[in-house]
Every structure is written in structure tokens, then in C-alpha cells.
Amino acid sequence: MPIGIEFQRRYATIVLELEQLNKDLNKVLHKVQQYCYELAPDQGLQPADQPTDMRRRCEEEAQEIVRHANSSTGQPCVENENLTGLISRLTAILLQIKCLAEGGDLNSFEFKSLTDSLNDIKSTIDASNISCFQNNVEIHVAHIQSGLSQMGNLHAFAANNTNRD
């Protein structure tokens, strides 16, 4: 049964409204996080615009992995520093995803750091490559984030169901 044009129009409108709502909520969350840090900087709360410790560790590990892989033959395979930097940042995203999946610490700070990493890469690539980046990297990371988020929400149920005989 084909979907009517009116339904498609309503659906698209709702999706756009949800996208705007999500952007507005992110702005409010960012302000709340900043306010919390101002109130209690010594309580371990982190300002939202600073990279998390996990992100920093993943970036350092990614740089080391890329440096080691690039020089394993004795001379660099990739000599362009911009390319090795991009490879390092993309590797860091993979490591962040790995840490999120293995750590079980699925909080908004860590998800935001993953989104920030994507946005940092996106801001450094040439405009002609943006759509390629969106189609080949961003969309897949978004699907993975969605899966991780659902995994976090359903973790208790999954644990209970696997213990049944």
C-alpha cells in the first residue's frame, strides 16, 4: 500500500520539528553543564566544551597507532601530515566508539565528545568533501550512537533475559 503525500508531508514536518527541538535541547543542556561547572568546579564536573578524558586518551592512542603503522616499513607510507592527521582523528573516533561500547558508561558527556570529534574533523576537511564525509562517516557513527544508546537503555532487560533457563 503506497504512502500518501499528505502523510509524507506530515512525517517530514515532524522530523524537522524534532530536529529543531533536539538542537534547542542541546543548547539548554550545554548551558546547564556550564552552570554546574561554575557552581561546583571542584566536584569533578567538567565544562561541556572541554574534551573528555576518554576522548583525549583515544586521540593520543590513535596518533600512536597511526605513527607506528605509518613507519612500520622504515619509511613513511603517508608523508602528507594533513592526511596522517585525518587518519589519526578518524581512528580516534573508532577508539571512542570502542570505549563507549566496552565501558558501559553511556553518558551524555561521552556521546557529546564523540559528536564534537566528528564536528572537529568536519570543520577541517575541504568543502567539496563534506557530503562524502556525511555519507560515509557521519551517518554510520550516528547509527552506532543510536545502537549504543538503545543498548544502554535496554541493558538491564538484556541481562535479565539472558539469565533465564
C-alpha atoms as a PDB file:
ATOM      1  CA  MET A   1       0.000   0.000   0.000  1.00  0.00           C
ATOM      2  CA  PRO A   2       1.610   3.306  -1.066  1.00  0.00           C
ATOM      3  CA  ILE A   3       2.142   6.048   1.460  1.00  0.00           C
ATOM      4  CA  GLY A   4       0.099   9.150   0.712  1.00  0.00           C
ATOM      5  CA  ILE A   5       1.673  12.525   0.014  1.00  0.00           C
ATOM      6  CA  GLU A   6      -0.108  14.097   2.985  1.00  0.00           C
ATOM      7  CA  PHE A   7       1.374  11.515   5.348  1.00  0.00           C
ATOM      8  CA  GLN A   8       4.836  12.084   3.867  1.00  0.00           C
ATOM      9  CA  ARG A   9       4.446  15.836   4.325  1.00  0.00           C
ATOM     10  CA  ARG A  10       3.325  15.481   7.957  1.00  0.00           C
ATOM     11  CA  TYR A  11       6.105  12.994   8.652  1.00  0.00           C
ATOM     12  CA  ALA A  12       8.764  15.305   7.167  1.00  0.00           C
ATOM     13  CA  THR A  13       7.392  18.247   9.151  1.00  0.00           C
ATOM     14  CA  ILE A  14       7.525  16.270  12.392  1.00  0.00           C
ATOM     15  CA  VAL A  15      11.087  15.118  11.674  1.00  0.00           C
ATOM     16  CA  LEU A  16      12.162  18.727  11.075  1.00  0.00           C
ATOM     17  CA  GLU A  17      10.421  19.860  14.260  1.00  0.00           C
ATOM     18  CA  LEU A  18      12.139  17.093  16.233  1.00  0.00           C
ATOM     19  CA  GLU A  19      15.489  18.097  14.773  1.00  0.00           C
ATOM     20  CA  GLN A  20      14.941  21.693  15.894  1.00  0.00           C
ATOM     21  CA  LEU A  21      13.785  20.517  19.324  1.00  0.00           C
ATOM     22  CA  ASN A  22      16.926  18.392  19.632  1.00  0.00           C
ATOM     23  CA  LYS A  23      19.123  21.376  18.738  1.00  0.00           C
ATOM     24  CA  ASP A  24      17.318  23.539  21.298  1.00  0.00           C
ATOM     25  CA  LEU A  25      17.666  20.858  23.980  1.00  0.00           C
ATOM     26  CA  ASN A  26      21.387  20.535  23.232  1.00  0.00           C
ATOM     27  CA  LYS A  27      21.815  24.292  23.700  1.00  0.00           C
ATOM     28  CA  VAL A  28      19.982  24.152  27.033  1.00  0.00           C
ATOM     29  CA  LEU A  29      21.992  21.108  28.146  1.00  0.00           C
ATOM     30  CA  HIS A  30      25.216  22.904  27.257  1.00  0.00           C
ATOM     31  CA  LYS A  31      24.178  25.939  29.342  1.00  0.00           C
ATOM     32  CA  VAL A  32      23.170  23.733  32.283  1.00  0.00           C
ATOM     33  CA  GLN A  33      26.517  21.920  32.125  1.00  0.00           C
ATOM     34  CA  GLN A  34      28.390  25.220  32.099  1.00  0.00           C
ATOM     35  CA  TYR A  35      26.326  26.496  35.030  1.00  0.00           C
ATOM     36  CA  CYS A  36      27.005  23.296  37.012  1.00  0.00           C
ATOM     37  CA  TYR A  37      30.726  23.687  36.422  1.00  0.00           C
ATOM     38  CA  GLU A  38      30.595  27.313  37.582  1.00  0.00           C
ATOM     39  CA  LEU A  39      28.757  26.250  40.746  1.00  0.00           C
ATOM     40  CA  ALA A  40      30.978  23.326  41.635  1.00  0.00           C
ATOM     41  CA  PRO A  41      34.234  23.190  39.670  1.00  0.00           C
ATOM     42  CA  ASP A  42      35.877  21.129  42.407  1.00  0.00           C
ATOM     43  CA  GLN A  43      33.190  18.417  42.290  1.00  0.00           C
ATOM     44  CA  GLY A  44      34.628  16.834  39.174  1.00  0.00           C
ATOM     45  CA  LEU A  45      32.051  18.326  36.863  1.00  0.00           C
ATOM     46  CA  GLN A  46      33.531  19.133  33.523  1.00  0.00           C
ATOM     47  CA  PRO A  47      32.689  22.093  31.315  1.00  0.00           C
ATOM     48  CA  ALA A  48      30.858  20.914  28.236  1.00  0.00           C
ATOM     49  CA  ASP A  49      33.292  22.500  25.818  1.00  0.00           C
ATOM     50  CA  GLN A  50      36.367  20.665  27.152  1.00  0.00           C
ATOM     51  CA  PRO A  51      37.183  17.291  25.651  1.00  0.00           C
ATOM     52  CA  THR A  52      36.559  14.413  27.985  1.00  0.00           C
ATOM     53  CA  ASP A  53      39.378  12.322  29.333  1.00  0.00           C
ATOM     54  CA  MET A  54      38.246   9.391  27.198  1.00  0.00           C
ATOM     55  CA  ARG A  55      38.392  11.495  24.044  1.00  0.00           C
ATOM     56  CA  ARG A  56      41.875  12.748  24.886  1.00  0.00           C
ATOM     57  CA  ARG A  57      43.141   9.231  25.591  1.00  0.00           C
ATOM     58  CA  CYS A  58      41.638   7.927  22.349  1.00  0.00           C
ATOM     59  CA  GLU A  59      43.223  10.757  20.365  1.00  0.00           C
ATOM     60  CA  GLU A  60      46.633  10.028  21.893  1.00  0.00           C
ATOM     61  CA  GLU A  61      46.305   6.295  21.267  1.00  0.00           C
ATOM     62  CA  ALA A  62      45.147   6.903  17.688  1.00  0.00           C
ATOM     63  CA  GLN A  63      48.138   9.131  16.983  1.00  0.00           C
ATOM     64  CA  GLU A  64      50.454   6.444  18.311  1.00  0.00           C
ATOM     65  CA  ILE A  65      48.739   3.710  16.266  1.00  0.00           C
ATOM     66  CA  VAL A  66      48.934   5.766  13.067  1.00  0.00           C
ATOM     67  CA  ARG A  67      52.523   6.808  13.732  1.00  0.00           C
ATOM     68  CA  HIS A  68      53.531   3.180  14.336  1.00  0.00           C
ATOM     69  CA  ALA A  69      51.640   1.848  11.288  1.00  0.00           C
ATOM     70  CA  ASN A  70      52.983   4.610   9.051  1.00  0.00           C
ATOM     71  CA  SER A  71      56.603   3.941   9.979  1.00  0.00           C
ATOM     72  CA  SER A  72      56.492   0.142  10.263  1.00  0.00           C
ATOM     73  CA  THR A  73      58.298  -0.309   6.926  1.00  0.00           C
ATOM     74  CA  GLY A  74      61.123   2.026   7.870  1.00  0.00           C
ATOM     75  CA  GLN A  75      59.916   4.948   5.807  1.00  0.00           C
ATOM     76  CA  PRO A  76      56.530   6.671   5.979  1.00  0.00           C
ATOM     77  CA  CYS A  77      53.795   5.276   3.735  1.00  0.00           C
ATOM     78  CA  VAL A  78      51.851   8.538   4.005  1.00  0.00           C
ATOM     79  CA  GLU A  79      54.029  11.636   4.007  1.00  0.00           C
ATOM     80  CA  ASN A  80      51.296  14.290   3.961  1.00  0.00           C
ATOM     81  CA  GLU A  81      50.806  15.469   7.558  1.00  0.00           C
ATOM     82  CA  ASN A  82      47.230  16.572   6.836  1.00  0.00           C
ATOM     83  CA  LEU A  83      46.359  13.037   5.735  1.00  0.00           C
ATOM     84  CA  THR A  84      48.014  11.390   8.719  1.00  0.00           C
ATOM     85  CA  GLY A  85      46.182  13.859  10.959  1.00  0.00           C
ATOM     86  CA  LEU A  86      42.855  12.956   9.344  1.00  0.00           C
ATOM     87  CA  ILE A  87      43.624   9.245   9.659  1.00  0.00           C
ATOM     88  CA  SER A  88      44.502   9.769  13.336  1.00  0.00           C
ATOM     89  CA  ARG A  89      41.271  11.663  14.036  1.00  0.00           C
ATOM     90  CA  LEU A  90      39.153   9.027  12.260  1.00  0.00           C
ATOM     91  CA  THR A  91      40.970   6.297  14.185  1.00  0.00           C
ATOM     92  CA  ALA A  92      40.269   8.212  17.402  1.00  0.00           C
ATOM     93  CA  ILE A  93      36.549   8.130  16.590  1.00  0.00           C
ATOM     94  CA  LEU A  94      36.719   4.348  16.212  1.00  0.00           C
ATOM     95  CA  LEU A  95      38.540   4.094  19.534  1.00  0.00           C
ATOM     96  CA  GLN A  96      35.938   6.328  21.220  1.00  0.00           C
ATOM     97  CA  ILE A  97      33.165   4.085  19.910  1.00  0.00           C
ATOM     98  CA  LYS A  98      35.062   1.040  21.186  1.00  0.00           C
ATOM     99  CA  CYS A  99      35.458   2.629  24.635  1.00  0.00           C
ATOM    100  CA  LEU A 100      31.781   3.572  24.781  1.00  0.00           C
ATOM    101  CA  ALA A 101      30.694   0.064  23.793  1.00  0.00           C
ATOM    102  CA  GLU A 102      33.056  -1.709  26.179  1.00  0.00           C
ATOM    103  CA  GLY A 103      32.847   0.680  29.094  1.00  0.00           C
ATOM    104  CA  GLY A 104      29.109   0.708  29.530  1.00  0.00           C
ATOM    105  CA  ASP A 105      29.439   4.341  30.691  1.00  0.00           C
ATOM    106  CA  LEU A 106      26.973   5.722  28.191  1.00  0.00           C
ATOM    107  CA  ASN A 107      26.515   9.284  29.393  1.00  0.00           C
ATOM    108  CA  SER A 108      25.750  12.465  27.514  1.00  0.00           C
ATOM    109  CA  PHE A 109      29.265  13.855  28.064  1.00  0.00           C
ATOM    110  CA  GLU A 110      30.859  10.926  26.261  1.00  0.00           C
ATOM    111  CA  PHE A 111      28.324  11.000  23.425  1.00  0.00           C
ATOM    112  CA  LYS A 112      28.876  14.726  23.110  1.00  0.00           C
ATOM    113  CA  SER A 113      32.630  14.198  22.906  1.00  0.00           C
ATOM    114  CA  LEU A 114      32.062  11.777  20.023  1.00  0.00           C
ATOM    115  CA  THR A 115      29.864  14.330  18.256  1.00  0.00           C
ATOM    116  CA  ASP A 116      32.450  17.031  18.951  1.00  0.00           C
ATOM    117  CA  SER A 117      35.153  14.839  17.416  1.00  0.00           C
ATOM    118  CA  LEU A 118      33.061  14.427  14.276  1.00  0.00           C
ATOM    119  CA  ASN A 119      32.421  18.166  14.097  1.00  0.00           C
ATOM    120  CA  ASP A 120      36.131  18.900  14.569  1.00  0.00           C
ATOM    121  CA  ILE A 121      37.001  16.673  11.623  1.00  0.00           C
ATOM    122  CA  LYS A 122      34.192  18.112   9.540  1.00  0.00           C
ATOM    123  CA  SER A 123      35.461  21.641  10.147  1.00  0.00           C
ATOM    124  CA  THR A 124      38.936  20.750   8.846  1.00  0.00           C
ATOM    125  CA  ILE A 125      38.049  18.978   5.622  1.00  0.00           C
ATOM    126  CA  ASP A 126      37.591  20.704   2.297  1.00  0.00           C
ATOM    127  CA  ALA A 127      34.048  21.838   1.482  1.00  0.00           C
ATOM    128  CA  SER A 128      33.997  19.590  -1.589  1.00  0.00           C
ATOM    129  CA  ASN A 129      34.425  16.553   0.691  1.00  0.00           C
ATOM    130  CA  ILE A 130      31.706  17.412   3.242  1.00  0.00           C
ATOM    131  CA  SER A 131      28.951  15.359   1.597  1.00  0.00           C
ATOM    132  CA  CYS A 132      31.322  12.401   1.231  1.00  0.00           C
ATOM    133  CA  PHE A 133      32.173  12.689   4.947  1.00  0.00           C
ATOM    134  CA  GLN A 134      28.496  12.912   5.883  1.00  0.00           C
ATOM    135  CA  ASN A 135      27.521   9.913   3.745  1.00  0.00           C
ATOM    136  CA  ASN A 136      30.461   7.681   4.601  1.00  0.00           C
ATOM    137  CA  VAL A 137      31.315   8.576   8.190  1.00  0.00           C
ATOM    138  CA  GLU A 138      28.750  10.719   9.999  1.00  0.00           C
ATOM    139  CA  ILE A 139      25.692   8.674   9.124  1.00  0.00           C
ATOM    140  CA  HIS A 140      27.327   5.430  10.242  1.00  0.00           C
ATOM    141  CA  VAL A 141      28.561   6.934  13.504  1.00  0.00           C
ATOM    142  CA  ALA A 142      25.020   8.233  14.115  1.00  0.00           C
ATOM    143  CA  HIS A 143      23.653   4.699  13.637  1.00  0.00           C
ATOM    144  CA  ILE A 144      26.268   3.319  16.005  1.00  0.00           C
ATOM    145  CA  GLN A 145      25.436   6.024  18.577  1.00  0.00           C
ATOM    146  CA  SER A 146      21.776   5.140  18.283  1.00  0.00           C
ATOM    147  CA  GLY A 147      22.565   1.471  18.820  1.00  0.00           C
ATOM    148  CA  LEU A 148      24.786   2.231  21.805  1.00  0.00           C
ATOM    149  CA  SER A 149      22.112   4.456  23.285  1.00  0.00           C
ATOM    150  CA  GLN A 150      19.491   1.739  22.918  1.00  0.00           C
ATOM    151  CA  MET A 151      21.933  -0.794  24.323  1.00  0.00           C
ATOM    152  CA  GLY A 152      22.348   1.427  27.380  1.00  0.00           C
ATOM    153  CA  ASN A 153      18.608   1.801  27.858  1.00  0.00           C
ATOM    154  CA  LEU A 154      17.909  -1.897  27.378  1.00  0.00           C
ATOM    155  CA  HIS A 155      20.965  -3.249  29.190  1.00  0.00           C
ATOM    156  CA  ALA A 156      19.042  -4.248  32.331  1.00  0.00           C
ATOM    157  CA  PHE A 157      16.424  -6.104  30.296  1.00  0.00           C
ATOM    158  CA  ALA A 158      19.058  -7.893  28.222  1.00  0.00           C
ATOM    159  CA  ALA A 159      20.870  -9.026  31.369  1.00  0.00           C
ATOM    160  CA  ASN A 160      17.637 -10.363  32.878  1.00  0.00           C
ATOM    161  CA  ASN A 161      16.626 -12.229  29.728  1.00  0.00           C
ATOM    162  CA  THR A 162      19.983 -13.978  29.323  1.00  0.00           C
ATOM    163  CA  ASN A 163      19.809 -15.417  32.845  1.00  0.00           C
ATOM    164  CA  ARG A 164      16.637 -17.414  32.158  1.00  0.00           C
ATOM    165  CA  ASP A 165      16.845 -21.168  31.761  1.00  0.00           C
END
